[in-house]
């Protein structure tokens, strides 16, 4: 056959199969949808339209209810695919984020840094003065904002959640030890000092209002008055923040926090716990540490979850899972699924086994 005829035949074949090729574009590559302000109006997509195993959804919902879940939302391309409220909870009702709210603090700090108000490489004493811990002065001076973002302050984590100076005792040099500790809330004081506003006022203007969240900061969780701030909101507000994280800090064309800083948050931040960024947990890494332990565990944090997932995880199984490869956000609010826990639990992997039965 002549070369010209071969070329024509190839072109004809390509054109004839073009619709098939276009139809094979993965669902997760669709443009992201961003809901308008308020919690009642939000576009939806059906599980069937995504090719999910719809017959497994009732089993997933039953499992969630059995595991003391209050709210569960799955977004794909920004649209709600699954939204369930159970165990007496309602769509409008607030619930506490616990340590999942650490990611709100990290993001707001990044916004303040983008504005030139703070710098992660500065010592906290630059903003808070001397004596904000009970560590020796020369050790305290070495603790930077980045150390708090990465959980490497060197402060002893065995003294509980109280972050008054007498409770913040020296354990190791900053940067040499990873320990899960609520000392991160001092970053809220840094932002407040640098912005000459209250923490909540700055947070509301810089982040909350820009993405249409509701909610507020209070002291403690249900039935407690712990001396550090906890964020409360409805589940859809948590989903809004998850959607912002999915889009690398950009909300419907507005870069709320710089992409460069956002990528730092969801990248391993130190070599001690490779599954930890800037107050975000990271899946798919070679090893991880658990809260309250100094043991290195080999392997994936959540083996049955997507490797590219990053997570906001809070006490008693508050969850924001962000999965870029699937353009998906998963929200879980509620009471502890099994036993009380700091952030991670065996429930994470169990839940992903159930989710996989639906989405695969």
Protein backbone atom coordinates (compact mmCIF):
# COMPACT_ATOMS: atom_id res chain seq x y z
CA UNK A 1 0.00 0.00 0.00
CA UNK A 2 1.29 3.48 -0.80
CA UNK A 3 2.40 5.73 2.10
CA UNK A 4 -0.31 8.29 1.27
CA UNK A 5 -3.02 5.64 1.56
CA UNK A 6 -1.57 4.42 4.86
CA UNK A 7 -1.67 7.95 6.21
CA UNK A 8 -5.28 8.41 5.11
CA UNK A 9 -6.28 5.08 6.64
CA UNK A 10 -4.63 6.02 9.96
CA UNK A 11 -6.39 9.38 9.99
CA UNK A 12 -9.75 7.74 9.28
CA UNK A 13 -9.27 5.23 12.07
CA UNK A 14 -8.25 7.97 14.49
CA UNK A 15 -11.32 10.04 13.66
CA UNK A 16 -13.65 7.06 13.91
CA UNK A 17 -12.36 6.18 17.38
CA UNK A 18 -12.11 9.79 18.63
CA UNK A 19 -15.51 9.72 20.42
CA UNK A 20 -14.48 6.54 22.23
CA UNK A 21 -11.20 8.12 23.33
CA UNK A 22 -12.98 11.23 24.58
CA UNK A 23 -15.51 9.16 26.49
CA UNK A 24 -12.69 7.36 28.29
CA UNK A 25 -11.54 10.57 30.02
CA UNK A 26 -11.53 9.73 33.76
CA UNK A 27 -14.36 11.22 35.78
CA UNK A 28 -11.90 12.81 38.18
CA UNK A 29 -10.51 15.04 35.41
CA UNK A 30 -13.75 17.03 35.16
CA UNK A 31 -13.55 20.69 36.26
CA UNK A 32 -14.06 21.15 39.97
CA UNK A 33 -17.37 22.50 41.21
CA UNK A 34 -17.34 25.00 44.10
CA UNK A 35 -20.55 25.60 46.07
CA UNK A 36 -21.85 29.08 46.77
CA UNK A 37 -21.93 30.36 50.35
CA UNK A 38 -24.34 28.67 52.74
CA UNK A 39 -24.78 25.02 53.60
CA UNK A 40 -28.06 24.16 51.84
CA UNK A 41 -27.19 24.53 48.14
CA UNK A 42 -24.63 22.13 46.73
CA UNK A 43 -24.63 20.29 43.40
CA UNK A 44 -24.74 16.51 43.50
CA UNK A 45 -23.67 13.59 41.34
CA UNK A 46 -25.04 10.06 41.54
CA UNK A 47 -22.85 7.09 42.43
CA UNK A 48 -24.22 5.30 39.35
CA UNK A 49 -22.95 8.10 37.07
CA UNK A 50 -19.44 7.41 38.38
CA UNK A 51 -19.73 3.68 37.77
CA UNK A 52 -19.68 2.83 41.49
CA UNK A 53 -20.98 -0.39 43.02
CA UNK A 54 -24.24 1.06 44.27
CA UNK A 55 -25.35 -2.23 45.82
CA UNK A 56 -22.57 -1.85 48.42
CA UNK A 57 -23.64 1.61 49.60
CA UNK A 58 -26.27 0.38 52.14
CA UNK A 59 -23.60 -1.82 53.74
CA UNK A 60 -21.22 1.14 53.99
CA UNK A 61 -23.92 3.28 55.61
CA UNK A 62 -24.85 0.53 58.07
CA UNK A 63 -21.20 0.11 59.00
CA UNK A 64 -20.83 3.87 59.58
CA UNK A 65 -23.92 3.96 61.78
CA UNK A 66 -22.70 0.98 63.79
CA UNK A 67 -19.34 2.76 64.27
CA UNK A 68 -20.96 5.82 65.92
CA UNK A 69 -20.66 8.10 62.90
CA UNK A 70 -22.70 11.30 62.90
CA UNK A 71 -21.94 12.76 59.48
CA UNK A 72 -20.40 11.26 56.34
CA UNK A 73 -19.84 13.06 53.03
CA UNK A 74 -18.08 12.04 49.82
CA UNK A 75 -17.28 14.65 47.18
CA UNK A 76 -16.09 13.88 43.66
CA UNK A 77 -15.15 16.81 41.44
CA UNK A 78 -16.52 18.99 44.23
CA UNK A 79 -20.04 17.55 43.95
CA UNK A 80 -21.73 15.60 46.72
CA UNK A 81 -22.05 11.92 45.82
CA UNK A 82 -22.87 10.54 49.27
CA UNK A 83 -24.17 12.52 52.26
CA UNK A 84 -25.49 10.75 55.32
CA UNK A 85 -26.45 11.92 58.82
CA UNK A 86 -27.12 9.38 61.55
CA UNK A 87 -27.20 8.69 65.27
CA UNK A 88 -29.28 11.82 65.92
CA UNK A 89 -27.11 14.23 63.92
CA UNK A 90 -28.46 16.78 61.39
CA UNK A 91 -27.03 18.56 58.36
CA UNK A 92 -26.95 21.95 60.08
CA UNK A 93 -25.65 20.72 63.43
CA UNK A 94 -22.02 21.51 64.42
CA UNK A 95 -19.53 18.95 65.65
CA UNK A 96 -15.96 19.29 66.86
CA UNK A 97 -12.97 18.80 64.55
CA UNK A 98 -10.51 17.98 67.36
CA UNK A 99 -6.99 17.66 65.91
CA UNK A 100 -8.31 17.65 62.35
CA UNK A 101 -8.44 21.41 63.01
CA UNK A 102 -4.65 21.49 63.17
CA UNK A 103 -4.80 21.79 59.39
CA UNK A 104 -6.89 24.96 59.73
CA UNK A 105 -4.13 26.42 61.90
CA UNK A 106 -1.39 25.39 59.46
CA UNK A 107 -3.31 26.86 56.52
CA UNK A 108 -4.06 30.14 58.29
CA UNK A 109 -0.40 30.45 59.29
CA UNK A 110 0.48 30.01 55.62
CA UNK A 111 -1.93 32.78 54.63
CA UNK A 112 -0.30 35.07 57.21
CA UNK A 113 3.11 34.13 55.85
CA UNK A 114 1.99 34.89 52.29
CA UNK A 115 0.94 38.32 53.58
CA UNK A 116 4.39 38.93 55.08
CA UNK A 117 3.15 38.93 58.67
CA UNK A 118 5.02 35.83 59.86
CA UNK A 119 7.84 33.55 58.75
CA UNK A 120 8.02 29.84 59.50
CA UNK A 121 11.79 30.06 60.03
CA UNK A 122 11.48 32.64 62.81
CA UNK A 123 11.77 31.64 66.45
CA UNK A 124 8.46 31.83 68.29
CA UNK A 125 10.11 34.14 70.79
CA UNK A 126 10.30 36.70 67.97
CA UNK A 127 6.54 37.07 68.32
CA UNK A 128 5.76 35.80 71.84
CA UNK A 129 8.80 37.06 73.72
CA UNK A 130 10.99 35.08 76.07
CA UNK A 131 9.57 32.63 78.58
CA UNK A 132 6.70 31.19 76.56
CA UNK A 133 8.06 27.77 77.63
CA UNK A 134 9.91 26.62 80.74
CA UNK A 135 12.81 25.36 78.61
CA UNK A 136 16.26 26.92 79.11
CA UNK A 137 16.43 30.24 77.27
CA UNK A 138 18.96 29.04 74.71
CA UNK A 139 16.82 25.97 73.93
CA UNK A 140 13.61 27.96 73.69
CA UNK A 141 15.23 30.37 71.26
CA UNK A 142 15.89 27.49 68.85
CA UNK A 143 12.20 26.58 68.53
CA UNK A 144 10.89 27.97 65.25
CA UNK A 145 7.38 28.21 63.87
CA UNK A 146 8.34 25.46 61.45
CA UNK A 147 9.15 23.19 64.40
CA UNK A 148 5.56 23.59 65.59
CA UNK A 149 4.20 22.98 62.09
CA UNK A 150 6.19 19.75 61.87
CA UNK A 151 5.81 18.53 65.50
CA UNK A 152 9.55 18.79 66.13
CA UNK A 153 9.61 21.40 68.91
CA UNK A 154 11.58 19.15 71.29
CA UNK A 155 9.09 19.95 74.07
CA UNK A 156 8.17 17.02 76.32
CA UNK A 157 4.83 15.59 75.19
CA UNK A 158 4.15 13.71 78.44
CA UNK A 159 2.66 16.70 80.30
CA UNK A 160 -0.74 16.72 78.60
CA UNK A 161 -2.54 19.33 76.55
CA UNK A 162 -1.98 22.39 78.73
CA UNK A 163 0.29 24.81 76.86
CA UNK A 164 1.03 27.22 79.69
CA UNK A 165 4.79 27.82 80.09
CA UNK A 166 5.16 25.62 83.16
CA UNK A 167 3.81 22.68 81.16
CA UNK A 168 6.12 23.15 78.17
CA UNK A 169 9.31 21.48 79.37
CA UNK A 170 12.47 20.77 77.41
CA UNK A 171 12.98 17.20 76.22
CA UNK A 172 15.29 17.46 73.19
CA UNK A 173 16.73 20.07 70.88
CA UNK A 174 14.25 21.45 68.37
CA UNK A 175 14.27 19.48 65.14
CA UNK A 176 15.73 16.28 66.62
CA UNK A 177 12.57 14.57 67.92
CA UNK A 178 9.06 14.14 66.47
CA UNK A 179 6.26 14.12 69.06
CA UNK A 180 2.54 14.73 68.63
CA UNK A 181 1.71 17.64 70.91
CA UNK A 182 -0.83 20.44 71.19
CA UNK A 183 1.95 22.99 71.36
CA UNK A 184 0.95 23.79 67.76
CA UNK A 185 -1.80 26.09 69.12
CA UNK A 186 0.93 28.61 69.97
CA UNK A 187 0.97 29.32 66.22
CA UNK A 188 -2.46 30.85 66.73
CA UNK A 189 -0.90 33.25 69.26
CA UNK A 190 1.85 34.04 66.74
CA UNK A 191 -0.68 34.94 64.05
CA UNK A 192 -2.73 37.00 66.51
CA UNK A 193 0.35 38.97 67.65
CA UNK A 194 1.63 39.52 64.13
CA UNK A 195 -1.74 40.60 62.72
CA UNK A 196 -2.75 42.68 65.75
CA UNK A 197 -6.10 40.87 65.77
CA UNK A 198 -7.62 38.03 67.71
CA UNK A 199 -6.88 34.60 66.26
CA UNK A 200 -10.53 34.02 65.38
CA UNK A 201 -10.92 37.42 63.71
CA UNK A 202 -7.91 36.80 61.49
CA UNK A 203 -8.99 33.22 60.73
CA UNK A 204 -12.51 34.33 59.80
CA UNK A 205 -11.31 36.98 57.35
CA UNK A 206 -8.36 35.07 55.91
CA UNK A 207 -9.88 31.61 55.49
CA UNK A 208 -13.37 30.90 56.80
CA UNK A 209 -15.23 33.69 54.99
CA UNK A 210 -13.32 33.19 51.74
CA UNK A 211 -14.59 29.64 51.27
CA UNK A 212 -18.03 30.06 52.84
CA UNK A 213 -17.48 27.97 55.97
CA UNK A 214 -19.43 28.35 59.18
CA UNK A 215 -18.27 27.45 62.67
CA UNK A 216 -16.26 28.85 65.54
CA UNK A 217 -13.33 28.17 67.86
CA UNK A 218 -14.08 27.13 71.44
CA UNK A 219 -12.17 25.61 74.34
CA UNK A 220 -12.33 21.84 74.47
CA UNK A 221 -14.50 19.05 73.09
CA UNK A 222 -17.82 17.65 74.33
CA UNK A 223 -18.07 17.88 78.10
CA UNK A 224 -14.57 19.34 78.49
CA UNK A 225 -12.94 22.71 78.91
CA UNK A 226 -9.46 21.89 77.75
CA UNK A 227 -7.06 24.88 77.59
CA UNK A 228 -6.66 24.93 73.81
CA UNK A 229 -8.94 25.88 70.96
CA UNK A 230 -11.09 23.38 69.09
CA UNK A 231 -12.99 24.18 65.91
CA UNK A 232 -16.69 23.30 65.59
CA UNK A 233 -18.70 23.39 62.36
CA UNK A 234 -21.22 21.44 60.36
CA UNK A 235 -19.99 18.66 58.09
CA UNK A 236 -20.45 20.65 54.88
CA UNK A 237 -18.06 23.31 56.19
CA UNK A 238 -15.51 20.58 56.81
CA UNK A 239 -16.13 19.43 53.23
CA UNK A 240 -15.51 22.97 51.95
CA UNK A 241 -12.09 22.97 53.58
CA UNK A 242 -11.39 19.54 52.12
CA UNK A 243 -12.29 20.88 48.67
CA UNK A 244 -9.90 23.81 49.15
CA UNK A 245 -7.19 21.31 50.06
CA UNK A 246 -8.00 19.16 47.02
CA UNK A 247 -7.46 22.22 44.81
CA UNK A 248 -4.13 23.08 46.48
CA UNK A 249 -5.33 26.14 48.32
CA UNK A 250 -7.35 27.61 45.44
CA UNK A 251 -11.05 28.30 45.88
CA UNK A 252 -12.88 28.77 42.59
CA UNK A 253 -10.02 30.77 41.05
CA UNK A 254 -8.89 32.58 44.21
CA UNK A 255 -5.58 31.40 45.64
CA UNK A 256 -6.45 31.54 49.35
CA UNK A 257 -3.05 30.19 50.43
CA UNK A 258 -0.11 30.02 48.05
CA UNK A 259 0.36 26.80 46.13
CA UNK A 260 4.01 26.69 47.21
CA UNK A 261 3.10 26.76 50.89
CA UNK A 262 0.25 24.32 50.40
CA UNK A 263 2.59 21.81 48.77
CA UNK A 264 4.91 22.15 51.77
CA UNK A 265 2.00 21.20 54.02
CA UNK A 266 1.35 17.93 52.19
CA UNK A 267 4.98 16.89 51.65
CA UNK A 268 7.10 15.05 54.24
CA UNK A 269 8.40 17.83 56.46
CA UNK A 270 11.25 16.02 58.23
CA UNK A 271 12.98 12.64 58.17
CA UNK A 272 11.77 11.33 61.54
CA UNK A 273 8.10 10.82 60.68
CA UNK A 274 7.92 10.70 56.91
CA UNK A 275 4.14 10.46 57.02
CA UNK A 276 3.75 13.97 58.42
CA UNK A 277 3.76 17.32 56.65
CA UNK A 278 2.75 20.65 58.18
CA UNK A 279 0.07 19.33 60.60
CA UNK A 280 -1.26 17.07 57.79
CA UNK A 281 -0.90 13.28 57.79
CA UNK A 282 0.41 11.71 54.57
CA UNK A 283 -0.34 8.26 53.20
CA UNK A 284 1.83 6.15 50.93
CA UNK A 285 5.18 6.80 52.60
CA UNK A 286 7.78 4.22 53.65
CA UNK A 287 7.33 4.64 57.40
CA UNK A 288 5.32 6.47 60.05
CA UNK A 289 5.11 7.31 63.75
CA UNK A 290 1.96 7.17 65.89
CA UNK A 291 0.90 9.81 68.42
CA UNK A 292 2.34 9.25 71.92
CA UNK A 293 4.89 6.73 70.62
CA UNK A 294 8.52 7.08 69.61
CA UNK A 295 8.48 3.91 67.53
CA UNK A 296 9.01 3.94 63.78
CA UNK A 297 6.63 1.63 61.92
CA UNK A 298 7.48 0.51 58.41
CA UNK A 299 4.99 0.72 55.58
CA UNK A 300 1.89 2.66 54.62
CA UNK A 301 -0.09 4.57 57.22
CA UNK A 302 -3.42 3.30 55.81
CA UNK A 303 -2.58 0.36 53.52
CA UNK A 304 -5.99 0.04 51.84
CA UNK A 305 -6.34 3.76 51.10
CA UNK A 306 -4.93 5.53 48.02
CA UNK A 307 -1.20 6.19 48.31
CA UNK A 308 -1.52 9.86 47.34
CA UNK A 309 -4.03 10.65 50.08
CA UNK A 310 -3.35 13.36 52.66
CA UNK A 311 -5.44 13.66 55.79
CA UNK A 312 -6.68 15.86 58.60
CA UNK A 313 -7.22 13.48 61.51
CA UNK A 314 -8.71 14.26 64.90
CA UNK A 315 -9.45 12.66 68.22
CA UNK A 316 -12.20 10.04 68.22
CA UNK A 317 -12.12 9.59 64.45
CA UNK A 318 -12.78 13.01 62.98
CA UNK A 319 -11.56 12.66 59.38
CA UNK A 320 -10.86 14.66 56.25
CA UNK A 321 -9.41 12.45 53.52
CA UNK A 322 -8.20 14.22 50.36
CA UNK A 323 -7.42 12.01 47.35
CA UNK A 324 -6.08 13.94 44.33
CA UNK A 325 -5.90 10.89 42.04
CA UNK A 326 -9.68 10.49 42.37
CA UNK A 327 -10.58 14.18 42.78
CA UNK A 328 -12.26 13.01 45.95
CA UNK A 329 -12.82 14.31 49.47
CA UNK A 330 -14.24 12.14 52.26
CA UNK A 331 -15.56 13.58 55.54
CA UNK A 332 -16.37 11.64 58.70
CA UNK A 333 -17.58 13.23 61.95
CA UNK A 334 -18.75 11.42 65.03
CA UNK A 335 -17.83 9.61 68.20
CA UNK A 336 -14.96 7.15 68.39
CA UNK A 337 -15.57 4.15 66.12
CA UNK A 338 -13.99 1.65 68.49
CA UNK A 339 -11.85 3.09 71.28
CA UNK A 340 -10.83 6.62 72.18
CA UNK A 341 -7.80 7.70 70.18
CA UNK A 342 -5.62 10.71 69.45
CA UNK A 343 -6.08 10.81 65.66
CA UNK A 344 -5.15 7.60 63.86
CA UNK A 345 -6.94 4.35 64.53
CA UNK A 346 -7.59 0.94 63.03
CA UNK A 347 -10.93 2.37 61.90
CA UNK A 348 -9.15 4.26 59.09
CA UNK A 349 -8.17 1.11 57.25
CA UNK A 350 -11.47 -0.66 57.97
CA UNK A 351 -13.37 2.32 56.62
CA UNK A 352 -11.29 2.37 53.44
CA UNK A 353 -11.97 -1.30 52.85
CA UNK A 354 -15.69 -0.45 52.92
CA UNK A 355 -15.22 2.64 50.71
CA UNK A 356 -13.24 0.59 48.19
CA UNK A 357 -16.16 -1.81 47.93
CA UNK A 358 -18.23 1.10 46.65
CA UNK A 359 -15.85 3.11 44.46
CA UNK A 360 -13.91 0.27 42.77
